[in-house]
C-alpha atoms as a PDB file:
ATOM      1  CA  UNK A   1     113.247 113.032 125.111  1.00  0.00           C
ATOM      2  CA  UNK A   2     115.517 115.892 124.019  1.00  0.00           C
ATOM      3  CA  UNK A   3     117.370 113.600 121.598  1.00  0.00           C
ATOM      4  CA  UNK A   4     114.074 112.363 120.147  1.00  0.00           C
ATOM      5  CA  UNK A   5     112.939 115.959 119.583  1.00  0.00           C
ATOM      6  CA  UNK A   6     116.265 116.926 117.970  1.00  0.00           C
ATOM      7  CA  UNK A   7     116.073 113.917 115.647  1.00  0.00           C
ATOM      8  CA  UNK A   8     112.522 114.833 114.631  1.00  0.00           C
ATOM      9  CA  UNK A   9     113.513 118.472 114.030  1.00  0.00           C
ATOM     10  CA  UNK A  10     116.413 117.436 111.784  1.00  0.00           C
ATOM     11  CA  UNK A  11     114.254 115.017 109.823  1.00  0.00           C
ATOM     12  CA  UNK A  12     111.538 117.632 109.366  1.00  0.00           C
ATOM     13  CA  UNK A  13     114.226 120.125 108.311  1.00  0.00           C
ATOM     14  CA  UNK A  14     115.144 117.848 105.396  1.00  0.00           C
ATOM     15  CA  UNK A  15     111.637 118.252 103.945  1.00  0.00           C
ATOM     16  CA  UNK A  16     111.759 122.030 104.447  1.00  0.00           C
ATOM     17  CA  UNK A  17     115.164 122.266 102.772  1.00  0.00           C
ATOM     18  CA  UNK A  18     113.802 120.540  99.681  1.00  0.00           C
ATOM     19  CA  UNK A  19     111.019 123.105  99.541  1.00  0.00           C
ATOM     20  CA  UNK A  20     113.540 125.943  99.885  1.00  0.00           C
ATOM     21  CA  UNK A  21     115.602 124.458  97.046  1.00  0.00           C
ATOM     22  CA  UNK A  22     112.513 124.659  94.855  1.00  0.00           C
ATOM     23  CA  UNK A  23     111.904 128.278  95.813  1.00  0.00           C
ATOM     24  CA  UNK A  24     115.541 129.199  95.145  1.00  0.00           C
ATOM     25  CA  UNK A  25     115.830 127.249  91.900  1.00  0.00           C
ATOM     26  CA  UNK A  26     118.508 124.880  93.255  1.00  0.00           C
ATOM     27  CA  UNK A  27     119.091 121.838  91.031  1.00  0.00           C
ATOM     28  CA  UNK A  28     117.798 118.950  93.157  1.00  0.00           C
ATOM     29  CA  UNK A  29     119.835 115.923  92.058  1.00  0.00           C
ATOM     30  CA  UNK A  30     123.263 117.651  92.127  1.00  0.00           C
ATOM     31  CA  UNK A  31     122.526 119.021  95.611  1.00  0.00           C
ATOM     32  CA  UNK A  32     121.579 115.515  96.789  1.00  0.00           C
ATOM     33  CA  UNK A  33     124.838 114.098  95.396  1.00  0.00           C
ATOM     34  CA  UNK A  34     126.869 116.746  97.239  1.00  0.00           C
ATOM     35  CA  UNK A  35     124.811 116.006 100.348  1.00  0.00           C
ATOM     36  CA  UNK A  36     125.854 112.358 100.381  1.00  0.00           C
ATOM     37  CA  UNK A  37     129.546 113.149 100.083  1.00  0.00           C
ATOM     38  CA  UNK A  38     129.210 115.661 102.931  1.00  0.00           C
ATOM     39  CA  UNK A  39     127.375 113.066 105.055  1.00  0.00           C
ATOM     40  CA  UNK A  40     130.042 110.482 104.156  1.00  0.00           C
ATOM     41  CA  UNK A  41     132.793 112.888 105.238  1.00  0.00           C
ATOM     42  CA  UNK A  42     131.023 113.541 108.543  1.00  0.00           C
ATOM     43  CA  UNK A  43     130.760 109.798 109.094  1.00  0.00           C
ATOM     44  CA  UNK A  44     134.451 109.224 108.344  1.00  0.00           C
ATOM     45  CA  UNK A  45     135.415 111.922 110.839  1.00  0.00           C
ATOM     46  CA  UNK A  46     133.340 110.218 113.536  1.00  0.00           C
ATOM     47  CA  UNK A  47     134.303 106.580 112.768  1.00  0.00           C
ATOM     48  CA  UNK A  48     136.695 105.630 109.955  1.00  0.00           C
ATOM     49  CA  UNK A  49     135.488 102.567 107.966  1.00  0.00           C
ATOM     50  CA  UNK A  50     139.032 101.282 107.397  1.00  0.00           C
ATOM     51  CA  UNK A  51     139.372 100.699 111.152  1.00  0.00           C
ATOM     52  CA  UNK A  52     136.224  98.545 111.366  1.00  0.00           C
ATOM     53  CA  UNK A  53     137.685  95.223 110.215  1.00  0.00           C
ATOM     54  CA  UNK A  54     136.159  92.952 107.545  1.00  0.00           C
ATOM     55  CA  UNK A  55     133.332  94.789 105.769  1.00  0.00           C
ATOM     56  CA  UNK A  56     132.781  92.302 102.928  1.00  0.00           C
ATOM     57  CA  UNK A  57     129.634  90.726 104.504  1.00  0.00           C
ATOM     58  CA  UNK A  58     127.972  94.142 104.267  1.00  0.00           C
ATOM     59  CA  UNK A  59     128.586  94.587 100.540  1.00  0.00           C
ATOM     60  CA  UNK A  60     125.116  93.474  99.444  1.00  0.00           C
ATOM     61  CA  UNK A  61     122.983  95.355 102.004  1.00  0.00           C
ATOM     62  CA  UNK A  62     125.119  98.488 101.617  1.00  0.00           C
ATOM     63  CA  UNK A  63     124.696  98.371  97.824  1.00  0.00           C
ATOM     64  CA  UNK A  64     120.932  97.825  98.049  1.00  0.00           C
ATOM     65  CA  UNK A  65     120.496 100.563 100.635  1.00  0.00           C
ATOM     66  CA  UNK A  66     122.731 102.951  98.690  1.00  0.00           C
ATOM     67  CA  UNK A  67     120.417 102.593  95.680  1.00  0.00           C
ATOM     68  CA  UNK A  68     117.314 103.006  97.843  1.00  0.00           C
ATOM     69  CA  UNK A  69     118.746 105.994  99.706  1.00  0.00           C
ATOM     70  CA  UNK A  70     119.540 108.152  96.702  1.00  0.00           C
ATOM     71  CA  UNK A  71     116.410 107.133  94.788  1.00  0.00           C
ATOM     72  CA  UNK A  72     114.088 107.781  97.735  1.00  0.00           C
ATOM     73  CA  UNK A  73     115.882 110.982  98.720  1.00  0.00           C
ATOM     74  CA  UNK A  74     115.384 112.308  95.202  1.00  0.00           C
ATOM     75  CA  UNK A  75     111.728 111.265  95.200  1.00  0.00           C
ATOM     76  CA  UNK A  76     111.331 112.931  98.600  1.00  0.00           C
ATOM     77  CA  UNK A  77     112.598 116.177  97.131  1.00  0.00           C
ATOM     78  CA  UNK A  78     110.309 115.932  94.110  1.00  0.00           C
ATOM     79  CA  UNK A  79     107.313 114.982  96.267  1.00  0.00           C
ATOM     80  CA  UNK A  80     107.960 117.861  98.667  1.00  0.00           C
ATOM     81  CA  UNK A  81     108.024 120.309  95.777  1.00  0.00           C
ATOM     82  CA  UNK A  82     104.961 118.886  94.015  1.00  0.00           C
ATOM     83  CA  UNK A  83     102.745 117.348  96.706  1.00  0.00           C
ATOM     84  CA  UNK A  84     103.780 119.561  99.609  1.00  0.00           C
ATOM     85  CA  UNK A  85     105.733 119.186 102.834  1.00  0.00           C
ATOM     86  CA  UNK A  86     102.794 117.899 104.883  1.00  0.00           C
ATOM     87  CA  UNK A  87     101.706 115.063 102.581  1.00  0.00           C
ATOM     88  CA  UNK A  88     105.303 114.016 101.933  1.00  0.00           C
ATOM     89  CA  UNK A  89     106.330 113.966 105.594  1.00  0.00           C
ATOM     90  CA  UNK A  90     103.246 111.953 106.561  1.00  0.00           C
ATOM     91  CA  UNK A  91     103.722 109.395 103.776  1.00  0.00           C
ATOM     92  CA  UNK A  92     107.433 109.003 104.513  1.00  0.00           C
ATOM     93  CA  UNK A  93     107.081 108.603 108.248  1.00  0.00           C
ATOM     94  CA  UNK A  94     104.018 106.355 108.154  1.00  0.00           C
ATOM     95  CA  UNK A  95     106.113 103.746 106.360  1.00  0.00           C
ATOM     96  CA  UNK A  96     106.470 102.546 109.936  1.00  0.00           C
ATOM     97  CA  UNK A  97     103.265 100.594 109.315  1.00  0.00           C
ATOM     98  CA  UNK A  98     104.857  98.240 106.777  1.00  0.00           C
ATOM     99  CA  UNK A  99     107.960  98.007 108.946  1.00  0.00           C
ATOM    100  CA  UNK A 100     105.818  96.722 111.810  1.00  0.00           C
ATOM    101  CA  UNK A 101     104.103  94.211 109.518  1.00  0.00           C
ATOM    102  CA  UNK A 102     107.512  92.968 108.358  1.00  0.00           C
ATOM    103  CA  UNK A 103     108.659  92.646 111.972  1.00  0.00           C
ATOM    104  CA  UNK A 104     105.614  90.486 112.649  1.00  0.00           C
ATOM    105  CA  UNK A 105     106.173  88.274 109.599  1.00  0.00           C
ATOM    106  CA  UNK A 106     109.973  88.016 109.698  1.00  0.00           C
ATOM    107  CA  UNK A 107     110.923  88.387 113.357  1.00  0.00           C
ATOM    108  CA  UNK A 108     107.888  87.111 115.245  1.00  0.00           C
ATOM    109  CA  UNK A 109     107.003  90.397 116.947  1.00  0.00           C
ATOM    110  CA  UNK A 110     103.382  90.938 118.039  1.00  0.00           C
ATOM    111  CA  UNK A 111     101.943  94.487 118.093  1.00  0.00           C
ATOM    112  CA  UNK A 112      98.837  93.622 120.142  1.00  0.00           C
ATOM    113  CA  UNK A 113      95.280  94.885 119.651  1.00  0.00           C
ATOM    114  CA  UNK A 114      96.188  98.582 119.947  1.00  0.00           C
ATOM    115  CA  UNK A 115      99.067  98.079 117.543  1.00  0.00           C
ATOM    116  CA  UNK A 116      96.857  96.506 114.898  1.00  0.00           C
ATOM    117  CA  UNK A 117      94.327  99.314 115.328  1.00  0.00           C
ATOM    118  CA  UNK A 118      97.130 101.797 114.789  1.00  0.00           C
ATOM    119  CA  UNK A 119      98.329 100.019 111.654  1.00  0.00           C
ATOM    120  CA  UNK A 120      94.882 100.112 110.048  1.00  0.00           C
ATOM    121  CA  UNK A 121      94.308 103.740 111.041  1.00  0.00           C
ATOM    122  CA  UNK A 122      97.757 104.684 109.729  1.00  0.00           C
ATOM    123  CA  UNK A 123      96.943 103.296 106.303  1.00  0.00           C
ATOM    124  CA  UNK A 124      93.803 105.452 106.273  1.00  0.00           C
ATOM    125  CA  UNK A 125      95.870 108.460 107.366  1.00  0.00           C
ATOM    126  CA  UNK A 126      98.386 108.050 104.556  1.00  0.00           C
ATOM    127  CA  UNK A 127      95.622 107.738 101.979  1.00  0.00           C
ATOM    128  CA  UNK A 128      93.700 110.801 103.177  1.00  0.00           C
ATOM    129  CA  UNK A 129      96.711 113.055 103.830  1.00  0.00           C
ATOM    130  CA  UNK A 130      97.999 112.385 100.305  1.00  0.00           C
ATOM    131  CA  UNK A 131      94.583 112.713  98.661  1.00  0.00           C
ATOM    132  CA  UNK A 132      94.349 115.476  96.034  1.00  0.00           C
ATOM    133  CA  UNK A 133      97.516 117.071  97.389  1.00  0.00           C
ATOM    134  CA  UNK A 134      99.556 119.588  95.488  1.00  0.00           C
ATOM    135  CA  UNK A 135      98.489 122.478  93.274  1.00  0.00           C
ATOM    136  CA  UNK A 136      95.529 122.085  90.937  1.00  0.00           C
ATOM    137  CA  UNK A 137      96.520 120.247  87.783  1.00  0.00           C
ATOM    138  CA  UNK A 138      99.447 118.446  89.406  1.00  0.00           C
ATOM    139  CA  UNK A 139      98.544 115.071  87.962  1.00  0.00           C
ATOM    140  CA  UNK A 140      99.948 112.057  89.713  1.00  0.00           C
ATOM    141  CA  UNK A 141     101.071 114.058  92.767  1.00  0.00           C
ATOM    142  CA  UNK A 142      99.413 111.445  94.975  1.00  0.00           C
ATOM    143  CA  UNK A 143     101.667 108.730  93.514  1.00  0.00           C
ATOM    144  CA  UNK A 144     104.852 110.306  94.896  1.00  0.00           C
ATOM    145  CA  UNK A 145     103.855 110.038  98.580  1.00  0.00           C
ATOM    146  CA  UNK A 146     102.643 106.501  97.880  1.00  0.00           C
ATOM    147  CA  UNK A 147     106.045 105.546  96.423  1.00  0.00           C
ATOM    148  CA  UNK A 148     107.758 107.107  99.428  1.00  0.00           C
ATOM    149  CA  UNK A 149     105.525 105.119 101.758  1.00  0.00           C
ATOM    150  CA  UNK A 150     106.637 101.871 100.103  1.00  0.00           C
ATOM    151  CA  UNK A 151     110.255 102.873  99.518  1.00  0.00           C
ATOM    152  CA  UNK A 152     110.947 104.082 103.046  1.00  0.00           C
ATOM    153  CA  UNK A 153     109.424 100.883 104.390  1.00  0.00           C
ATOM    154  CA  UNK A 154     111.862  98.912 102.200  1.00  0.00           C
ATOM    155  CA  UNK A 155     114.737 100.917 103.697  1.00  0.00           C
ATOM    156  CA  UNK A 156     113.554 100.374 107.276  1.00  0.00           C
ATOM    157  CA  UNK A 157     112.994  96.649 106.746  1.00  0.00           C
ATOM    158  CA  UNK A 158     116.425  96.192 105.146  1.00  0.00           C
ATOM    159  CA  UNK A 159     118.097  98.195 107.906  1.00  0.00           C
ATOM    160  CA  UNK A 160     116.316  96.210 110.606  1.00  0.00           C
ATOM    161  CA  UNK A 161     117.181  92.852 109.039  1.00  0.00           C
ATOM    162  CA  UNK A 162     120.827  93.824 108.559  1.00  0.00           C
ATOM    163  CA  UNK A 163     121.042  95.188 112.094  1.00  0.00           C
ATOM    164  CA  UNK A 164     119.673  91.957 113.559  1.00  0.00           C
ATOM    165  CA  UNK A 165     121.649  89.487 111.471  1.00  0.00           C
ATOM    166  CA  UNK A 166     124.849  91.023 110.120  1.00  0.00           C
ATOM    167  CA  UNK A 167     126.198  93.972 112.084  1.00  0.00           C
ATOM    168  CA  UNK A 168     128.867  93.641 114.758  1.00  0.00           C
ATOM    169  CA  UNK A 169     129.995  96.191 117.368  1.00  0.00           C
ATOM    170  CA  UNK A 170     132.901  97.177 115.088  1.00  0.00           C
ATOM    171  CA  UNK A 171     130.902  97.531 111.858  1.00  0.00           C
ATOM    172  CA  UNK A 172     127.766  99.160 113.289  1.00  0.00           C
ATOM    173  CA  UNK A 173     129.302 102.686 113.630  1.00  0.00           C
ATOM    174  CA  UNK A 174     130.409 102.745 109.965  1.00  0.00           C
ATOM    175  CA  UNK A 175     127.366 101.087 108.390  1.00  0.00           C
ATOM    176  CA  UNK A 176     125.580 104.358 107.594  1.00  0.00           C
ATOM    177  CA  UNK A 177     128.827 105.939 106.379  1.00  0.00           C
ATOM    178  CA  UNK A 178     129.269 103.164 103.815  1.00  0.00           C
ATOM    179  CA  UNK A 179     125.688 103.662 102.611  1.00  0.00           C
ATOM    180  CA  UNK A 180     126.276 107.401 102.216  1.00  0.00           C
ATOM    181  CA  UNK A 181     129.424 106.705 100.185  1.00  0.00           C
ATOM    182  CA  UNK A 182     127.701 104.247  97.854  1.00  0.00           C
ATOM    183  CA  UNK A 183     124.757 106.617  97.378  1.00  0.00           C
ATOM    184  CA  UNK A 184     127.149 109.439  96.521  1.00  0.00           C
ATOM    185  CA  UNK A 185     129.006 107.397  93.909  1.00  0.00           C
ATOM    186  CA  UNK A 186     125.758 106.211  92.361  1.00  0.00           C
ATOM    187  CA  UNK A 187     124.626 109.826  92.280  1.00  0.00           C
ATOM    188  CA  UNK A 188     127.701 110.877  90.317  1.00  0.00           C
ATOM    189  CA  UNK A 189     126.935 108.190  87.732  1.00  0.00           C
ATOM    190  CA  UNK A 190     123.321 109.351  87.623  1.00  0.00           C
ATOM    191  CA  UNK A 191     124.431 112.939  87.053  1.00  0.00           C
ATOM    192  CA  UNK A 192     126.776 111.948  84.251  1.00  0.00           C
ATOM    193  CA  UNK A 193     124.009 109.964  82.598  1.00  0.00           C
ATOM    194  CA  UNK A 194     121.658 112.958  82.712  1.00  0.00           C
ATOM    195  CA  UNK A 195     124.410 115.430  81.772  1.00  0.00           C
ATOM    196  CA  UNK A 196     123.847 117.469  84.912  1.00  0.00           C
ATOM    197  CA  UNK A 197     127.327 117.025  86.388  1.00  0.00           C
ATOM    198  CA  UNK A 198     128.180 120.627  85.475  1.00  0.00           C
ATOM    199  CA  UNK A 199     125.801 121.785  88.225  1.00  0.00           C
ATOM    200  CA  UNK A 200     128.229 120.400  90.813  1.00  0.00           C
ATOM    201  CA  UNK A 201     130.363 123.496  90.216  1.00  0.00           C
ATOM    202  CA  UNK A 202     127.488 125.841  90.994  1.00  0.00           C
ATOM    203  CA  UNK A 203     128.155 127.637  94.331  1.00  0.00           C
ATOM    204  CA  UNK A 204     124.453 127.530  95.211  1.00  0.00           C
ATOM    205  CA  UNK A 205     124.314 123.768  94.667  1.00  0.00           C
ATOM    206  CA  UNK A 206     127.475 123.240  96.733  1.00  0.00           C
ATOM    207  CA  UNK A 207     126.107 125.325  99.611  1.00  0.00           C
ATOM    208  CA  UNK A 208     122.719 123.592  99.445  1.00  0.00           C
ATOM    209  CA  UNK A 209     124.374 120.158  99.431  1.00  0.00           C
ATOM    210  CA  UNK A 210     126.623 121.132 102.341  1.00  0.00           C
ATOM    211  CA  UNK A 211     123.694 122.190 104.517  1.00  0.00           C
ATOM    212  CA  UNK A 212     121.579 119.210 103.457  1.00  0.00           C
ATOM    213  CA  UNK A 213     124.415 116.768 104.140  1.00  0.00           C
ATOM    214  CA  UNK A 214     125.102 118.150 107.611  1.00  0.00           C
ATOM    215  CA  UNK A 215     121.411 117.996 108.552  1.00  0.00           C
ATOM    216  CA  UNK A 216     121.137 114.505 107.034  1.00  0.00           C
ATOM    217  CA  UNK A 217     124.035 113.223 109.111  1.00  0.00           C
ATOM    218  CA  UNK A 218     122.814 115.051 112.239  1.00  0.00           C
ATOM    219  CA  UNK A 219     119.421 113.353 111.935  1.00  0.00           C
ATOM    220  CA  UNK A 220     121.130 109.953 111.945  1.00  0.00           C
ATOM    221  CA  UNK A 221     123.406 110.988 114.833  1.00  0.00           C
ATOM    222  CA  UNK A 222     120.460 112.031 117.011  1.00  0.00           C
ATOM    223  CA  UNK A 223     118.469 108.911 116.077  1.00  0.00           C
ATOM    224  CA  UNK A 224     121.347 106.715 117.265  1.00  0.00           C
ATOM    225  CA  UNK A 225     121.676 108.825 120.414  1.00  0.00           C
ATOM    226  CA  UNK A 226     117.947 108.590 121.100  1.00  0.00           C
ATOM    227  CA  UNK A 227     118.003 104.820 120.741  1.00  0.00           C
ATOM    228  CA  UNK A 228     120.967 104.546 123.097  1.00  0.00           C
ATOM    229  CA  UNK A 229     120.278 107.209 125.731  1.00  0.00           C
ATOM    230  CA  UNK A 230     116.651 108.445 125.594  1.00  0.00           C
ATOM    231  CA  UNK A 231     115.367 105.839 128.035  1.00  0.00           C
ATOM    232  CA  UNK A 232     112.658 104.733 125.571  1.00  0.00           C
ATOM    233  CA  UNK A 233     112.658 101.396 123.714  1.00  0.00           C
ATOM    234  CA  UNK A 234     113.165 101.498 119.965  1.00  0.00           C
ATOM    235  CA  UNK A 235     109.526 100.552 119.435  1.00  0.00           C
ATOM    236  CA  UNK A 236     108.572 103.858 121.062  1.00  0.00           C
ATOM    237  CA  UNK A 237     111.456 106.032 119.820  1.00  0.00           C
ATOM    238  CA  UNK A 238     110.582 105.648 116.133  1.00  0.00           C
ATOM    239  CA  UNK A 239     106.853 106.398 116.498  1.00  0.00           C
ATOM    240  CA  UNK A 240     107.641 109.402 118.711  1.00  0.00           C
ATOM    241  CA  UNK A 241     110.083 110.740 116.139  1.00  0.00           C
ATOM    242  CA  UNK A 242     107.574 110.191 113.359  1.00  0.00           C
ATOM    243  CA  UNK A 243     104.897 112.104 115.231  1.00  0.00           C
ATOM    244  CA  UNK A 244     107.396 114.915 115.711  1.00  0.00           C
ATOM    245  CA  UNK A 245     108.294 114.992 112.012  1.00  0.00           C
ATOM    246  CA  UNK A 246     104.631 115.126 110.983  1.00  0.00           C
ATOM    247  CA  UNK A 247     103.840 117.921 113.452  1.00  0.00           C
ATOM    248  CA  UNK A 248     106.993 119.975 112.817  1.00  0.00           C
ATOM    249  CA  UNK A 249     106.804 119.480 109.060  1.00  0.00           C
ATOM    250  CA  UNK A 250     103.138 120.425 108.797  1.00  0.00           C
ATOM    251  CA  UNK A 251     103.402 123.434 111.119  1.00  0.00           C
ATOM    252  CA  UNK A 252     106.522 124.730 109.363  1.00  0.00           C
ATOM    253  CA  UNK A 253     105.067 124.282 105.888  1.00  0.00           C
ATOM    254  CA  UNK A 254     102.019 126.317 106.878  1.00  0.00           C
ATOM    255  CA  UNK A 255     104.061 129.036 108.593  1.00  0.00           C
ATOM    256  CA  UNK A 256     106.898 129.350 106.074  1.00  0.00           C
ATOM    257  CA  UNK A 257     105.371 128.381 102.749  1.00  0.00           C
ATOM    258  CA  UNK A 258     101.683 129.139 103.311  1.00  0.00           C
ATOM    259  CA  UNK A 259     100.737 125.610 102.325  1.00  0.00           C
ATOM    260  CA  UNK A 260      96.978 125.230 102.478  1.00  0.00           C
ATOM    261  CA  UNK A 261      95.707 121.793 103.373  1.00  0.00           C
ATOM    262  CA  UNK A 262      92.339 120.479 102.333  1.00  0.00           C
ATOM    263  CA  UNK A 263      89.946 119.252 104.981  1.00  0.00           C
ATOM    264  CA  UNK A 264      90.490 115.644 103.969  1.00  0.00           C
ATOM    265  CA  UNK A 265      94.245 116.094 104.446  1.00  0.00           C
ATOM    266  CA  UNK A 266      93.733 117.475 107.952  1.00  0.00           C
ATOM    267  CA  UNK A 267      91.638 114.404 108.738  1.00  0.00           C
ATOM    268  CA  UNK A 268      94.426 112.201 107.336  1.00  0.00           C
ATOM    269  CA  UNK A 269      97.070 113.900 109.472  1.00  0.00           C
ATOM    270  CA  UNK A 270      94.844 113.466 112.512  1.00  0.00           C
ATOM    271  CA  UNK A 271      94.445 109.765 111.721  1.00  0.00           C
ATOM    272  CA  UNK A 272      98.204 109.403 111.340  1.00  0.00           C
ATOM    273  CA  UNK A 273      98.897 110.991 114.726  1.00  0.00           C
ATOM    274  CA  UNK A 274      96.246 108.881 116.476  1.00  0.00           C
ATOM    275  CA  UNK A 275      97.674 105.791 114.753  1.00  0.00           C
ATOM    276  CA  UNK A 276     101.163 106.502 116.010  1.00  0.00           C
ATOM    277  CA  UNK A 277      99.854 107.107 119.527  1.00  0.00           C
ATOM    278  CA  UNK A 278      98.120 103.722 119.401  1.00  0.00           C
ATOM    279  CA  UNK A 279     101.347 102.065 118.224  1.00  0.00           C
ATOM    280  CA  UNK A 280     103.231 103.710 121.095  1.00  0.00           C
ATOM    281  CA  UNK A 281     100.562 102.540 123.533  1.00  0.00           C
ATOM    282  CA  UNK A 282     100.814  98.984 122.266  1.00  0.00           C
ATOM    283  CA  UNK A 283     104.523  98.986 123.106  1.00  0.00           C
ATOM    284  CA  UNK A 284     104.243 100.651 126.516  1.00  0.00           C
END
């Protein structure tokens, strides 16, 4: 359970860091680009890709996931700053719902009655927790959590499919490292296209990217550890982590940033937690 808690803390910390960047005026996209190169370096130090054998079969999924990673990470930062930590963390983590539906359709898994109840309740939770979020006048703030809900599900589904069908014991340790590298290179091209590459020389951006990258890699490290050594099946590990992210993210946003949630958002967060508990129960 300790590894599950550490993974949830790191994932919640990512949302809080984005909020801090906003408060400190840190340029978001350059910091994200630095983050991916830091995460890539951490991955290389743990398991070098050039020692993993033939990586060519992973070219397509790595490219797709690299695009999704940097796009969704940027949208996560924007959503955190505009819609708030609570709504963003709920929408991101409740993408589990679509992941479960994909597992049913593509891999023949069956959630059971409690699982289906959780899926329906989770959809309600995402809708309510994202409803009218953000400061008054922030038009379209609800759309950002909705995009994260769909985008993170696409990442989870692609990861799950690749894990089941393409990864080998030698390529599995370097899979995430390759994704980080592709995302970083795409980010550099994105920066050059928007003429923001000069921000990469800003000490504040470099420090922010360093911290973000280390936390980003640590979250993945603890997730892998939780799946391998927590004693829980994967179908329980992910919901437990998601509950932790929602609780830690919401509590921290209230304590640190004085975020004020509307009543309907509190109801949505409650629905999300109950939904995840039901999903856990269906896999017990």
